[in-house]
Amino acid sequence: MDEGLFSLQGRVALVTGGSRGIGRMIAAGFLEQGARAVYITARKAAECDEAARELSTLGTCVSIPGDVSTVDGINALVAAYTAREGALDILVNNAGAAWGEAYDSFPESGWDKVVDLNLKAPFFLTQALSAPLRAAAQARPAKVINIASIDGLSVNPQETYSYAASKAGLIHLTRRMALRLIDDNIVVSAIAPGAFASRMNKDARDHAEETAARIPARRIGRDDDMAGAAIYLASRAGDYVVGATLVVDGAVSLQRG
């Protein structure tokens, strides 16, 4: 096998929501696999800066704090990125939010906050970064990886209406974007994670053993599980995976039916 098949040597990535959780797992994996630089963004500047400092032990990691839930925030992020780099090899649309509340009282604010960040932001950020993505794609395929969820594929018992709808929409948006952007040598795909320890998934973080008992693989996801999936899609190994959603969940979604 070609030793460079999974290499990210020389490539530049931008990971939204990269200061913690799944975004940080992916950023660390990219750096360990030889990326020239990984830019991370998050809404809380202090957390983003600190995460970049810690990740810099693995390679070059740069913090660009920002809020991608609005078009103004997206434009500011893109301006900050393009002031530093002329091309973008890998974009990971990971920033996300959730809201759980009973059907009878579920508020409009819980709908708009989640859908704006989980579904609208990946489209408009990718659109705004078209020029640097196309610049990278002149040499080899550029990659866009959308972080969805198994809750967009199967129904969980929690009343997270806007979250489930946004992730299902993101999975289909990935297909639609993939069909258009492959014309520009930009490969769009998605990952649907299951239980990984994070602030958003407090059950997996705080009750790992109890959560693992409900997973056919009998454990929650590890950092390397998520990093490995993202590296596969971001590297040359994933060049022919266009519009697909890679499920990384220990078979939970199969168990739901």
C-alpha atoms as a PDB file:
ATOM      1  CA  MET A   1       0.000   0.000   0.000  1.00  0.00           C
ATOM      2  CA  ASP A   2       1.136   3.561  -0.752  1.00  0.00           C
ATOM      3  CA  GLU A   3       2.523   4.963   2.488  1.00  0.00           C
ATOM      4  CA  GLY A   4       1.179   8.418   1.605  1.00  0.00           C
ATOM      5  CA  LEU A   5      -2.413   7.280   1.158  1.00  0.00           C
ATOM      6  CA  PHE A   6      -3.543   8.703   4.512  1.00  0.00           C
ATOM      7  CA  SER A   7      -0.960  11.485   4.745  1.00  0.00           C
ATOM      8  CA  LEU A   8      -1.983  15.119   5.176  1.00  0.00           C
ATOM      9  CA  GLN A   9       1.575  16.338   4.677  1.00  0.00           C
ATOM     10  CA  GLY A  10       1.645  19.943   3.534  1.00  0.00           C
ATOM     11  CA  ARG A  11      -2.100  20.472   3.726  1.00  0.00           C
ATOM     12  CA  VAL A  12      -3.941  23.275   5.495  1.00  0.00           C
ATOM     13  CA  ALA A  13      -7.218  22.734   7.343  1.00  0.00           C
ATOM     14  CA  LEU A  14      -9.857  24.878   9.035  1.00  0.00           C
ATOM     15  CA  VAL A  15     -11.980  23.248  11.747  1.00  0.00           C
ATOM     16  CA  THR A  16     -14.983  25.093  13.157  1.00  0.00           C
ATOM     17  CA  GLY A  17     -15.793  24.327  16.766  1.00  0.00           C
ATOM     18  CA  GLY A  18     -12.215  23.157  17.014  1.00  0.00           C
ATOM     19  CA  SER A  19     -11.497  24.136  20.601  1.00  0.00           C
ATOM     20  CA  ARG A  20     -13.129  21.099  22.193  1.00  0.00           C
ATOM     21  CA  GLY A  21     -14.975  17.835  21.653  1.00  0.00           C
ATOM     22  CA  ILE A  22     -15.130  16.295  18.209  1.00  0.00           C
ATOM     23  CA  GLY A  23     -13.590  19.337  16.531  1.00  0.00           C
ATOM     24  CA  ARG A  24     -10.534  19.149  18.732  1.00  0.00           C
ATOM     25  CA  MET A  25     -10.195  15.399  18.134  1.00  0.00           C
ATOM     26  CA  ILE A  26     -10.155  16.058  14.406  1.00  0.00           C
ATOM     27  CA  ALA A  27      -7.744  18.987  14.633  1.00  0.00           C
ATOM     28  CA  ALA A  28      -5.305  16.885  16.678  1.00  0.00           C
ATOM     29  CA  GLY A  29      -5.557  14.003  14.223  1.00  0.00           C
ATOM     30  CA  PHE A  30      -4.822  16.263  11.257  1.00  0.00           C
ATOM     31  CA  LEU A  31      -1.742  17.669  12.963  1.00  0.00           C
ATOM     32  CA  GLU A  32      -0.486  14.216  13.894  1.00  0.00           C
ATOM     33  CA  GLN A  33      -0.922  13.165  10.269  1.00  0.00           C
ATOM     34  CA  GLY A  34       1.365  15.915   9.021  1.00  0.00           C
ATOM     35  CA  ALA A  35      -0.893  18.867   8.171  1.00  0.00           C
ATOM     36  CA  ARG A  36       1.176  22.003   7.585  1.00  0.00           C
ATOM     37  CA  ALA A  37      -1.265  24.084   9.626  1.00  0.00           C
ATOM     38  CA  VAL A  38      -4.650  23.625  11.282  1.00  0.00           C
ATOM     39  CA  TYR A  39      -6.753  26.687  11.958  1.00  0.00           C
ATOM     40  CA  ILE A  40      -9.435  26.325  14.613  1.00  0.00           C
ATOM     41  CA  THR A  41     -12.326  28.628  15.325  1.00  0.00           C
ATOM     42  CA  ALA A  42     -14.772  28.847  18.217  1.00  0.00           C
ATOM     43  CA  ARG A  43     -17.042  31.506  19.636  1.00  0.00           C
ATOM     44  CA  LYS A  44     -15.226  31.805  22.969  1.00  0.00           C
ATOM     45  CA  ALA A  45     -11.892  33.447  22.221  1.00  0.00           C
ATOM     46  CA  ALA A  46     -10.083  32.420  25.416  1.00  0.00           C
ATOM     47  CA  GLU A  47     -10.977  28.744  24.943  1.00  0.00           C
ATOM     48  CA  CYS A  48     -10.017  28.848  21.273  1.00  0.00           C
ATOM     49  CA  ASP A  49      -6.658  30.475  21.996  1.00  0.00           C
ATOM     50  CA  GLU A  50      -5.861  28.021  24.789  1.00  0.00           C
ATOM     51  CA  ALA A  51      -6.797  25.015  22.658  1.00  0.00           C
ATOM     52  CA  ALA A  52      -4.553  26.269  19.859  1.00  0.00           C
ATOM     53  CA  ARG A  53      -1.672  26.656  22.299  1.00  0.00           C
ATOM     54  CA  GLU A  54      -2.127  23.104  23.543  1.00  0.00           C
ATOM     55  CA  LEU A  55      -2.535  21.642  20.047  1.00  0.00           C
ATOM     56  CA  SER A  56       0.605  23.456  18.909  1.00  0.00           C
ATOM     57  CA  THR A  57       2.623  20.753  20.667  1.00  0.00           C
ATOM     58  CA  LEU A  58       1.578  18.555  17.726  1.00  0.00           C
ATOM     59  CA  GLY A  59       2.239  21.055  14.946  1.00  0.00           C
ATOM     60  CA  THR A  60       1.158  24.488  13.764  1.00  0.00           C
ATOM     61  CA  CYS A  61      -2.280  25.325  15.142  1.00  0.00           C
ATOM     62  CA  VAL A  62      -3.713  28.827  14.800  1.00  0.00           C
ATOM     63  CA  SER A  63      -6.710  30.243  16.675  1.00  0.00           C
ATOM     64  CA  ILE A  64      -9.214  32.429  14.817  1.00  0.00           C
ATOM     65  CA  PRO A  65     -12.086  33.020  17.255  1.00  0.00           C
ATOM     66  CA  GLY A  66     -15.444  33.821  15.693  1.00  0.00           C
ATOM     67  CA  ASP A  67     -19.161  33.119  15.518  1.00  0.00           C
ATOM     68  CA  VAL A  68     -20.138  31.245  12.358  1.00  0.00           C
ATOM     69  CA  SER A  69     -23.856  31.246  13.181  1.00  0.00           C
ATOM     70  CA  THR A  70     -24.264  34.565  11.314  1.00  0.00           C
ATOM     71  CA  VAL A  71     -23.204  35.610   7.829  1.00  0.00           C
ATOM     72  CA  ASP A  72     -21.360  38.600   9.315  1.00  0.00           C
ATOM     73  CA  GLY A  73     -19.415  36.244  11.584  1.00  0.00           C
ATOM     74  CA  ILE A  74     -18.649  33.976   8.638  1.00  0.00           C
ATOM     75  CA  ASN A  75     -17.362  36.889   6.574  1.00  0.00           C
ATOM     76  CA  ALA A  76     -15.112  38.014   9.441  1.00  0.00           C
ATOM     77  CA  LEU A  77     -13.682  34.509   9.794  1.00  0.00           C
ATOM     78  CA  VAL A  78     -13.041  34.198   6.071  1.00  0.00           C
ATOM     79  CA  ALA A  79     -11.312  37.592   6.011  1.00  0.00           C
ATOM     80  CA  ALA A  80      -9.080  36.553   8.911  1.00  0.00           C
ATOM     81  CA  TYR A  81      -8.240  33.234   7.266  1.00  0.00           C
ATOM     82  CA  THR A  82      -7.539  34.611   3.788  1.00  0.00           C
ATOM     83  CA  ALA A  83      -5.273  37.271   5.283  1.00  0.00           C
ATOM     84  CA  ARG A  84      -3.023  34.361   6.303  1.00  0.00           C
ATOM     85  CA  GLU A  85      -3.564  31.737   3.585  1.00  0.00           C
ATOM     86  CA  GLY A  86      -4.332  31.802  -0.110  1.00  0.00           C
ATOM     87  CA  ALA A  87      -5.721  28.283  -0.312  1.00  0.00           C
ATOM     88  CA  LEU A  88      -7.665  25.851   1.878  1.00  0.00           C
ATOM     89  CA  ASP A  89      -7.237  22.104   1.455  1.00  0.00           C
ATOM     90  CA  ILE A  90      -9.678  20.891   4.105  1.00  0.00           C
ATOM     91  CA  LEU A  91     -12.736  22.528   5.696  1.00  0.00           C
ATOM     92  CA  VAL A  92     -14.443  20.756   8.593  1.00  0.00           C
ATOM     93  CA  ASN A  93     -17.888  22.164   9.383  1.00  0.00           C
ATOM     94  CA  ASN A  94     -18.123  20.940  12.956  1.00  0.00           C
ATOM     95  CA  ALA A  95     -19.506  23.819  15.064  1.00  0.00           C
ATOM     96  CA  GLY A  96     -22.902  22.842  16.403  1.00  0.00           C
ATOM     97  CA  ALA A  97     -25.566  23.363  19.038  1.00  0.00           C
ATOM     98  CA  ALA A  98     -28.415  21.351  20.541  1.00  0.00           C
ATOM     99  CA  TRP A  99     -31.659  22.171  22.312  1.00  0.00           C
ATOM    100  CA  GLY A 100     -33.886  19.781  24.204  1.00  0.00           C
ATOM    101  CA  GLU A 101     -37.389  20.685  25.341  1.00  0.00           C
ATOM    102  CA  ALA A 102     -40.871  19.186  25.414  1.00  0.00           C
ATOM    103  CA  TYR A 103     -42.930  19.417  22.240  1.00  0.00           C
ATOM    104  CA  ASP A 104     -45.617  21.621  23.786  1.00  0.00           C
ATOM    105  CA  SER A 105     -43.153  24.261  24.956  1.00  0.00           C
ATOM    106  CA  PHE A 106     -40.374  24.016  22.357  1.00  0.00           C
ATOM    107  CA  PRO A 107     -39.492  27.654  21.531  1.00  0.00           C
ATOM    108  CA  GLU A 108     -38.653  29.418  18.297  1.00  0.00           C
ATOM    109  CA  SER A 109     -35.325  30.449  19.830  1.00  0.00           C
ATOM    110  CA  GLY A 110     -34.423  26.781  20.265  1.00  0.00           C
ATOM    111  CA  TRP A 111     -35.187  26.235  16.620  1.00  0.00           C
ATOM    112  CA  ASP A 112     -33.347  29.227  15.167  1.00  0.00           C
ATOM    113  CA  LYS A 113     -30.195  28.906  17.280  1.00  0.00           C
ATOM    114  CA  VAL A 114     -29.690  25.265  16.351  1.00  0.00           C
ATOM    115  CA  VAL A 115     -30.655  25.400  12.690  1.00  0.00           C
ATOM    116  CA  ASP A 116     -28.629  28.554  12.042  1.00  0.00           C
ATOM    117  CA  LEU A 117     -25.449  26.952  13.383  1.00  0.00           C
ATOM    118  CA  ASN A 118     -25.947  23.325  12.386  1.00  0.00           C
ATOM    119  CA  LEU A 119     -27.445  23.699   8.933  1.00  0.00           C
ATOM    120  CA  LYS A 120     -27.158  27.248   7.602  1.00  0.00           C
ATOM    121  CA  ALA A 121     -23.552  27.880   8.684  1.00  0.00           C
ATOM    122  CA  PRO A 122     -21.991  24.895   6.844  1.00  0.00           C
ATOM    123  CA  PHE A 123     -23.522  26.067   3.577  1.00  0.00           C
ATOM    124  CA  PHE A 124     -22.645  29.732   3.843  1.00  0.00           C
ATOM    125  CA  LEU A 125     -19.170  29.148   5.261  1.00  0.00           C
ATOM    126  CA  THR A 126     -18.334  26.737   2.446  1.00  0.00           C
ATOM    127  CA  GLN A 127     -19.737  29.207  -0.056  1.00  0.00           C
ATOM    128  CA  ALA A 128     -17.667  32.045   1.420  1.00  0.00           C
ATOM    129  CA  LEU A 129     -14.512  29.892   1.274  1.00  0.00           C
ATOM    130  CA  SER A 130     -15.060  28.830  -2.336  1.00  0.00           C
ATOM    131  CA  ALA A 131     -12.080  30.798  -3.653  1.00  0.00           C
ATOM    132  CA  PRO A 132      -9.426  29.271  -1.341  1.00  0.00           C
ATOM    133  CA  LEU A 133     -10.984  25.821  -1.728  1.00  0.00           C
ATOM    134  CA  ARG A 134     -10.879  26.135  -5.515  1.00  0.00           C
ATOM    135  CA  ALA A 135      -7.306  27.372  -5.310  1.00  0.00           C
ATOM    136  CA  ALA A 136      -6.290  24.244  -3.390  1.00  0.00           C
ATOM    137  CA  ALA A 137      -8.265  22.052  -5.776  1.00  0.00           C
ATOM    138  CA  GLN A 138      -6.060  23.083  -8.688  1.00  0.00           C
ATOM    139  CA  ALA A 139      -3.392  20.691  -7.410  1.00  0.00           C
ATOM    140  CA  ARG A 140      -5.478  17.907  -5.827  1.00  0.00           C
ATOM    141  CA  PRO A 141      -9.016  17.488  -4.511  1.00  0.00           C
ATOM    142  CA  ALA A 142      -9.974  19.913  -1.751  1.00  0.00           C
ATOM    143  CA  LYS A 143     -12.187  18.465   0.964  1.00  0.00           C
ATOM    144  CA  VAL A 144     -15.263  19.657   2.853  1.00  0.00           C
ATOM    145  CA  ILE A 145     -16.325  17.437   5.751  1.00  0.00           C
ATOM    146  CA  ASN A 146     -19.652  18.164   7.441  1.00  0.00           C
ATOM    147  CA  ILE A 147     -20.123  16.802  10.951  1.00  0.00           C
ATOM    148  CA  ALA A 148     -23.669  15.482  11.149  1.00  0.00           C
ATOM    149  CA  SER A 149     -25.016  13.013  13.743  1.00  0.00           C
ATOM    150  CA  ILE A 150     -26.679   9.646  13.947  1.00  0.00           C
ATOM    151  CA  ASP A 151     -29.698  11.644  15.183  1.00  0.00           C
ATOM    152  CA  GLY A 152     -30.073  12.742  11.566  1.00  0.00           C
ATOM    153  CA  LEU A 153     -30.357   9.100  10.509  1.00  0.00           C
ATOM    154  CA  SER A 154     -32.423   7.511  13.265  1.00  0.00           C
ATOM    155  CA  VAL A 155     -34.707   8.765  16.027  1.00  0.00           C
ATOM    156  CA  ASN A 156     -33.520   8.957  19.607  1.00  0.00           C
ATOM    157  CA  PRO A 157     -35.898   9.171  22.593  1.00  0.00           C
ATOM    158  CA  GLN A 158     -34.955  12.760  23.488  1.00  0.00           C
ATOM    159  CA  GLU A 159     -37.073  15.701  22.392  1.00  0.00           C
ATOM    160  CA  THR A 160     -34.381  17.495  20.395  1.00  0.00           C
ATOM    161  CA  TYR A 161     -36.556  18.502  17.466  1.00  0.00           C
ATOM    162  CA  SER A 162     -34.418  21.196  15.852  1.00  0.00           C
ATOM    163  CA  TYR A 163     -31.203  19.234  16.375  1.00  0.00           C
ATOM    164  CA  ALA A 164     -32.519  16.079  14.690  1.00  0.00           C
ATOM    165  CA  ALA A 165     -34.009  18.081  11.823  1.00  0.00           C
ATOM    166  CA  SER A 166     -30.816  20.095  11.319  1.00  0.00           C
ATOM    167  CA  LYS A 167     -28.609  17.008  11.200  1.00  0.00           C
ATOM    168  CA  ALA A 168     -30.934  15.181   8.816  1.00  0.00           C
ATOM    169  CA  GLY A 169     -30.914  18.288   6.651  1.00  0.00           C
ATOM    170  CA  LEU A 170     -27.121  18.480   6.789  1.00  0.00           C
ATOM    171  CA  ILE A 171     -26.813  14.895   5.555  1.00  0.00           C
ATOM    172  CA  HIS A 172     -28.956  15.699   2.529  1.00  0.00           C
ATOM    173  CA  LEU A 173     -27.260  19.079   2.038  1.00  0.00           C
ATOM    174  CA  THR A 174     -23.962  17.187   1.897  1.00  0.00           C
ATOM    175  CA  ARG A 175     -25.259  15.211  -1.069  1.00  0.00           C
ATOM    176  CA  ARG A 176     -26.533  18.299  -2.867  1.00  0.00           C
ATOM    177  CA  MET A 177     -23.310  20.264  -2.287  1.00  0.00           C
ATOM    178  CA  ALA A 178     -21.198  17.266  -3.280  1.00  0.00           C
ATOM    179  CA  LEU A 179     -22.910  16.964  -6.636  1.00  0.00           C
ATOM    180  CA  ARG A 180     -22.239  20.624  -7.428  1.00  0.00           C
ATOM    181  CA  LEU A 181     -18.747  21.045  -5.985  1.00  0.00           C
ATOM    182  CA  ILE A 182     -17.218  17.920  -7.508  1.00  0.00           C
ATOM    183  CA  ASP A 183     -17.236  19.973 -10.731  1.00  0.00           C
ATOM    184  CA  ASP A 184     -14.614  22.175  -9.022  1.00  0.00           C
ATOM    185  CA  ASN A 185     -12.590  19.192  -7.740  1.00  0.00           C
ATOM    186  CA  ILE A 186     -13.950  19.823  -4.218  1.00  0.00           C
ATOM    187  CA  VAL A 187     -15.068  16.602  -2.505  1.00  0.00           C
ATOM    188  CA  VAL A 188     -17.860  17.024   0.043  1.00  0.00           C
ATOM    189  CA  SER A 189     -18.677  14.279   2.542  1.00  0.00           C
ATOM    190  CA  ALA A 190     -19.973  13.935   6.093  1.00  0.00           C
ATOM    191  CA  ILE A 191     -19.443  12.053   9.336  1.00  0.00           C
ATOM    192  CA  ALA A 192     -22.323  10.992  11.570  1.00  0.00           C
ATOM    193  CA  PRO A 193     -20.884  10.425  15.068  1.00  0.00           C
ATOM    194  CA  GLY A 194     -22.534   8.470  17.821  1.00  0.00           C
ATOM    195  CA  ALA A 195     -21.567   8.762  21.485  1.00  0.00           C
ATOM    196  CA  PHE A 196     -18.333  10.692  22.010  1.00  0.00           C
ATOM    197  CA  ALA A 197     -17.429  12.457  25.230  1.00  0.00           C
ATOM    198  CA  SER A 198     -18.090  16.171  24.817  1.00  0.00           C
ATOM    199  CA  ARG A 199     -19.898  19.114  26.332  1.00  0.00           C
ATOM    200  CA  MET A 200     -22.772  18.477  23.974  1.00  0.00           C
ATOM    201  CA  ASN A 201     -22.956  14.772  24.845  1.00  0.00           C
ATOM    202  CA  LYS A 202     -22.805  14.902  28.622  1.00  0.00           C
ATOM    203  CA  ASP A 203     -24.074  11.334  28.999  1.00  0.00           C
ATOM    204  CA  ALA A 204     -21.043   9.979  27.149  1.00  0.00           C
ATOM    205  CA  ARG A 205     -18.735  12.354  29.015  1.00  0.00           C
ATOM    206  CA  ASP A 206     -20.089  11.929  32.554  1.00  0.00           C
ATOM    207  CA  HIS A 207     -21.649   8.455  32.420  1.00  0.00           C
ATOM    208  CA  ALA A 208     -19.424   6.576  29.991  1.00  0.00           C
ATOM    209  CA  GLU A 209     -19.996   3.095  31.399  1.00  0.00           C
ATOM    210  CA  GLU A 210     -23.773   3.454  31.512  1.00  0.00           C
ATOM    211  CA  THR A 211     -23.801   4.871  27.991  1.00  0.00           C
ATOM    212  CA  ALA A 212     -21.492   2.121  26.726  1.00  0.00           C
ATOM    213  CA  ALA A 213     -23.889  -0.535  27.985  1.00  0.00           C
ATOM    214  CA  ARG A 214     -26.456   0.691  25.439  1.00  0.00           C
ATOM    215  CA  ILE A 215     -24.003   0.558  22.519  1.00  0.00           C
ATOM    216  CA  PRO A 216     -23.548  -2.721  20.590  1.00  0.00           C
ATOM    217  CA  ALA A 217     -19.758  -2.139  20.492  1.00  0.00           C
ATOM    218  CA  ARG A 218     -19.883  -1.825  24.315  1.00  0.00           C
ATOM    219  CA  ARG A 219     -17.929   1.426  24.504  1.00  0.00           C
ATOM    220  CA  ILE A 220     -18.193   5.097  23.664  1.00  0.00           C
ATOM    221  CA  GLY A 221     -16.147   6.570  20.844  1.00  0.00           C
ATOM    222  CA  ARG A 222     -12.488   7.378  21.407  1.00  0.00           C
ATOM    223  CA  ASP A 223     -10.523  10.328  20.066  1.00  0.00           C
ATOM    224  CA  ASP A 224      -8.749   8.109  17.518  1.00  0.00           C
ATOM    225  CA  ASP A 225     -12.062   6.781  16.210  1.00  0.00           C
ATOM    226  CA  MET A 226     -13.138  10.271  15.206  1.00  0.00           C
ATOM    227  CA  ALA A 227      -9.695  11.400  14.071  1.00  0.00           C
ATOM    228  CA  GLY A 228      -9.308   8.275  11.934  1.00  0.00           C
ATOM    229  CA  ALA A 229     -12.612   8.805  10.146  1.00  0.00           C
ATOM    230  CA  ALA A 230     -11.793  12.438   9.407  1.00  0.00           C
ATOM    231  CA  ILE A 231      -8.250  11.634   8.256  1.00  0.00           C
ATOM    232  CA  TYR A 232      -9.626   9.005   5.876  1.00  0.00           C
ATOM    233  CA  LEU A 233     -12.016  11.474   4.261  1.00  0.00           C
ATOM    234  CA  ALA A 234      -9.496  14.347   4.250  1.00  0.00           C
ATOM    235  CA  SER A 235      -6.637  12.331   2.760  1.00  0.00           C
ATOM    236  CA  ARG A 236      -6.131  10.872  -0.696  1.00  0.00           C
ATOM    237  CA  ALA A 237      -7.708   7.674   0.620  1.00  0.00           C
ATOM    238  CA  GLY A 238     -11.091   9.423   0.594  1.00  0.00           C
ATOM    239  CA  ASP A 239     -10.845  11.151  -2.784  1.00  0.00           C
ATOM    240  CA  TYR A 240     -13.550   8.956  -4.343  1.00  0.00           C
ATOM    241  CA  VAL A 241     -15.968   9.203  -1.400  1.00  0.00           C
ATOM    242  CA  VAL A 242     -18.278  11.904  -2.728  1.00  0.00           C
ATOM    243  CA  GLY A 243     -21.492  12.918  -0.950  1.00  0.00           C
ATOM    244  CA  ALA A 244     -21.440   9.978   1.456  1.00  0.00           C
ATOM    245  CA  THR A 245     -21.996  10.082   5.213  1.00  0.00           C
ATOM    246  CA  LEU A 246     -19.642   7.892   7.233  1.00  0.00           C
ATOM    247  CA  VAL A 247     -21.358   6.567  10.366  1.00  0.00           C
ATOM    248  CA  VAL A 248     -19.039   6.273  13.383  1.00  0.00           C
ATOM    249  CA  ASP A 249     -21.234   5.040  16.224  1.00  0.00           C
ATOM    250  CA  GLY A 250     -20.480   1.478  17.336  1.00  0.00           C
ATOM    251  CA  ALA A 251     -23.754   0.357  15.655  1.00  0.00           C
ATOM    252  CA  VAL A 252     -26.146   2.431  17.782  1.00  0.00           C
ATOM    253  CA  SER A 253     -28.077   3.651  14.737  1.00  0.00           C
ATOM    254  CA  LEU A 254     -28.570   0.045  13.583  1.00  0.00           C
ATOM    255  CA  GLN A 255     -29.945  -0.869  16.978  1.00  0.00           C
ATOM    256  CA  ARG A 256     -32.501   1.946  16.821  1.00  0.00           C
ATOM    257  CA  GLY A 257     -33.858   0.486  13.618  1.00  0.00           C
END
